[in-house]
């Protein structure tokens, strides 16, 4: 469906249409991910934290490192980590070298959950763009990165 049809308008400036299309696509992706993650009682932001920590390959990360790598920069990282600790998916401890520094590491349970979720999210991501060709997908990614930067 065309953007103008969704918004029930006759004409949109191309720049406005771009922003609205990006927002509509982001909303669609968020909705799809929420629906996929909900049965596992985990939010998109919590999933993102787990993937960041897995990427550390056993090396702990501090809160600022996690925050820098978050897709959604508005997330309350401390609250997200607290919820993941409560679910036994991550552990928090005081750094031995600098007692003021708190470090977080993913647990075996967190890694097991990601093993379950990875194929689900991979399938979702593959289906998200199934209406465009591989070439269009590459072009779209290049253009979006250009707009974002």
Protein backbone atom coordinates (compact mmCIF):
# COMPACT_ATOMS: atom_id res chain seq x y z
CA UNK A 1 0.00 0.00 0.00
CA UNK A 2 1.30 3.43 -0.90
CA UNK A 3 2.21 5.86 1.87
CA UNK A 4 -0.38 8.37 0.63
CA UNK A 5 -3.09 5.69 0.94
CA UNK A 6 -2.08 4.85 4.50
CA UNK A 7 -2.13 8.52 5.49
CA UNK A 8 -5.20 9.25 3.33
CA UNK A 9 -3.60 12.19 1.57
CA UNK A 10 -3.14 13.09 -2.08
CA UNK A 11 0.42 14.34 -2.07
CA UNK A 12 3.46 14.22 0.18
CA UNK A 13 6.78 15.99 -0.27
CA UNK A 14 9.42 13.40 -1.14
CA UNK A 15 11.42 14.23 2.01
CA UNK A 16 8.35 13.81 4.22
CA UNK A 17 7.47 10.57 2.42
CA UNK A 18 11.00 9.25 3.08
CA UNK A 19 10.80 9.94 6.81
CA UNK A 20 7.30 8.45 7.07
CA UNK A 21 8.33 5.35 5.09
CA UNK A 22 11.32 4.81 7.37
CA UNK A 23 9.06 5.17 10.42
CA UNK A 24 6.46 2.77 8.97
CA UNK A 25 9.14 0.20 8.15
CA UNK A 26 10.68 0.54 11.62
CA UNK A 27 7.24 0.06 13.18
CA UNK A 28 6.63 -3.05 11.05
CA UNK A 29 10.02 -4.54 12.00
CA UNK A 30 9.47 -3.73 15.69
CA UNK A 31 6.00 -5.30 15.68
CA UNK A 32 7.29 -8.45 13.98
CA UNK A 33 10.19 -8.77 16.42
CA UNK A 34 7.96 -8.14 19.45
CA UNK A 35 5.58 -10.87 18.30
CA UNK A 36 8.47 -13.30 17.82
CA UNK A 37 10.12 -12.52 21.16
CA UNK A 38 6.97 -12.30 23.31
CA UNK A 39 6.55 -16.09 23.80
CA UNK A 40 10.10 -16.13 25.21
CA UNK A 41 9.29 -13.28 27.64
CA UNK A 42 12.04 -11.03 26.35
CA UNK A 43 11.92 -7.54 24.84
CA UNK A 44 13.74 -6.33 21.73
CA UNK A 45 16.04 -4.22 23.92
CA UNK A 46 16.83 -7.19 26.19
CA UNK A 47 17.52 -9.31 23.11
CA UNK A 48 19.86 -6.58 21.85
CA UNK A 49 21.77 -6.57 25.18
CA UNK A 50 22.15 -10.36 25.03
CA UNK A 51 23.52 -10.18 21.47
CA UNK A 52 25.96 -7.44 22.48
CA UNK A 53 27.21 -9.51 25.41
CA UNK A 54 27.52 -12.66 23.28
CA UNK A 55 29.62 -10.60 20.85
CA UNK A 56 32.06 -9.93 23.70
CA UNK A 57 33.05 -13.64 23.45
CA UNK A 58 33.31 -14.16 27.21
CA UNK A 59 34.83 -10.75 27.96
CA UNK A 60 32.66 -8.73 30.35
CA UNK A 61 31.22 -5.39 29.22
CA UNK A 62 30.41 -2.34 31.31
CA UNK A 63 27.14 -0.41 31.06
CA UNK A 64 28.58 2.33 28.86
CA UNK A 65 29.90 -0.22 26.34
CA UNK A 66 26.47 -1.82 26.14
CA UNK A 67 24.77 1.58 25.83
CA UNK A 68 27.09 2.60 22.95
CA UNK A 69 26.21 -0.53 20.98
CA UNK A 70 22.46 -0.47 21.59
CA UNK A 71 20.29 -0.04 18.49
CA UNK A 72 17.80 1.98 20.56
CA UNK A 73 19.92 4.60 22.33
CA UNK A 74 16.96 5.69 24.49
CA UNK A 75 16.94 2.38 26.37
CA UNK A 76 17.54 2.42 30.12
CA UNK A 77 20.49 0.04 30.10
CA UNK A 78 20.66 -0.35 33.89
CA UNK A 79 17.00 -1.38 34.05
CA UNK A 80 17.42 -3.78 31.10
CA UNK A 81 20.42 -5.45 32.73
CA UNK A 82 18.54 -5.72 36.05
CA UNK A 83 15.69 -7.55 34.29
CA UNK A 84 18.12 -9.88 32.54
CA UNK A 85 19.84 -10.62 35.87
CA UNK A 86 16.44 -11.46 37.38
CA UNK A 87 15.89 -13.92 34.50
CA UNK A 88 19.40 -15.43 35.07
CA UNK A 89 20.42 -14.48 31.51
CA UNK A 90 23.32 -12.21 32.56
CA UNK A 91 25.48 -11.69 35.65
CA UNK A 92 26.82 -8.45 37.09
CA UNK A 93 29.96 -8.17 39.20
CA UNK A 94 32.47 -5.60 40.44
CA UNK A 95 35.66 -5.27 38.39
CA UNK A 96 38.71 -6.54 40.30
CA UNK A 97 41.02 -3.83 38.90
CA UNK A 98 38.62 -0.93 39.43
CA UNK A 99 36.09 -1.48 42.21
CA UNK A 100 33.97 1.45 40.97
CA UNK A 101 33.41 -0.33 37.66
CA UNK A 102 30.52 -2.77 37.20
CA UNK A 103 30.87 -5.47 34.55
CA UNK A 104 28.23 -7.64 32.92
CA UNK A 105 28.60 -11.03 31.25
CA UNK A 106 26.11 -13.33 29.54
CA UNK A 107 25.28 -16.61 31.32
CA UNK A 108 24.94 -20.09 29.82
CA UNK A 109 21.16 -19.63 30.07
CA UNK A 110 21.46 -16.40 28.07
CA UNK A 111 23.51 -18.16 25.39
CA UNK A 112 20.98 -21.02 25.25
CA UNK A 113 18.13 -18.55 24.78
CA UNK A 114 20.00 -16.87 21.92
CA UNK A 115 20.50 -20.29 20.27
CA UNK A 116 16.70 -20.66 20.30
CA UNK A 117 15.99 -17.09 19.19
CA UNK A 118 18.64 -16.74 16.45
CA UNK A 119 16.87 -18.91 13.83
CA UNK A 120 13.52 -17.29 14.66
CA UNK A 121 14.90 -13.77 14.18
CA UNK A 122 16.93 -14.81 11.11
CA UNK A 123 13.74 -16.13 9.50
CA UNK A 124 11.88 -12.92 10.41
CA UNK A 125 14.65 -10.75 8.94
CA UNK A 126 14.71 -12.82 5.74
CA UNK A 127 10.92 -12.50 5.36
CA UNK A 128 10.94 -8.76 6.09
CA UNK A 129 12.57 -7.98 2.76
CA UNK A 130 11.20 -10.83 0.64
CA UNK A 131 9.30 -8.40 -1.62
CA UNK A 132 12.52 -6.91 -3.04
CA UNK A 133 15.42 -8.40 -4.98
CA UNK A 134 18.89 -8.97 -3.56
CA UNK A 135 20.19 -6.04 -5.65
CA UNK A 136 17.39 -3.77 -4.36
CA UNK A 137 18.18 -4.88 -0.81
CA UNK A 138 21.85 -3.93 -1.22
CA UNK A 139 20.92 -0.58 -2.77
CA UNK A 140 18.37 0.14 -0.04
CA UNK A 141 20.93 -0.61 2.68
CA UNK A 142 23.48 1.67 1.01
CA UNK A 143 20.95 4.50 0.70
CA UNK A 144 19.70 4.14 4.28
CA UNK A 145 23.26 4.18 5.62
CA UNK A 146 23.91 7.30 3.56
CA UNK A 147 20.79 9.00 4.98
CA UNK A 148 21.61 7.89 8.54
CA UNK A 149 25.19 9.14 8.37
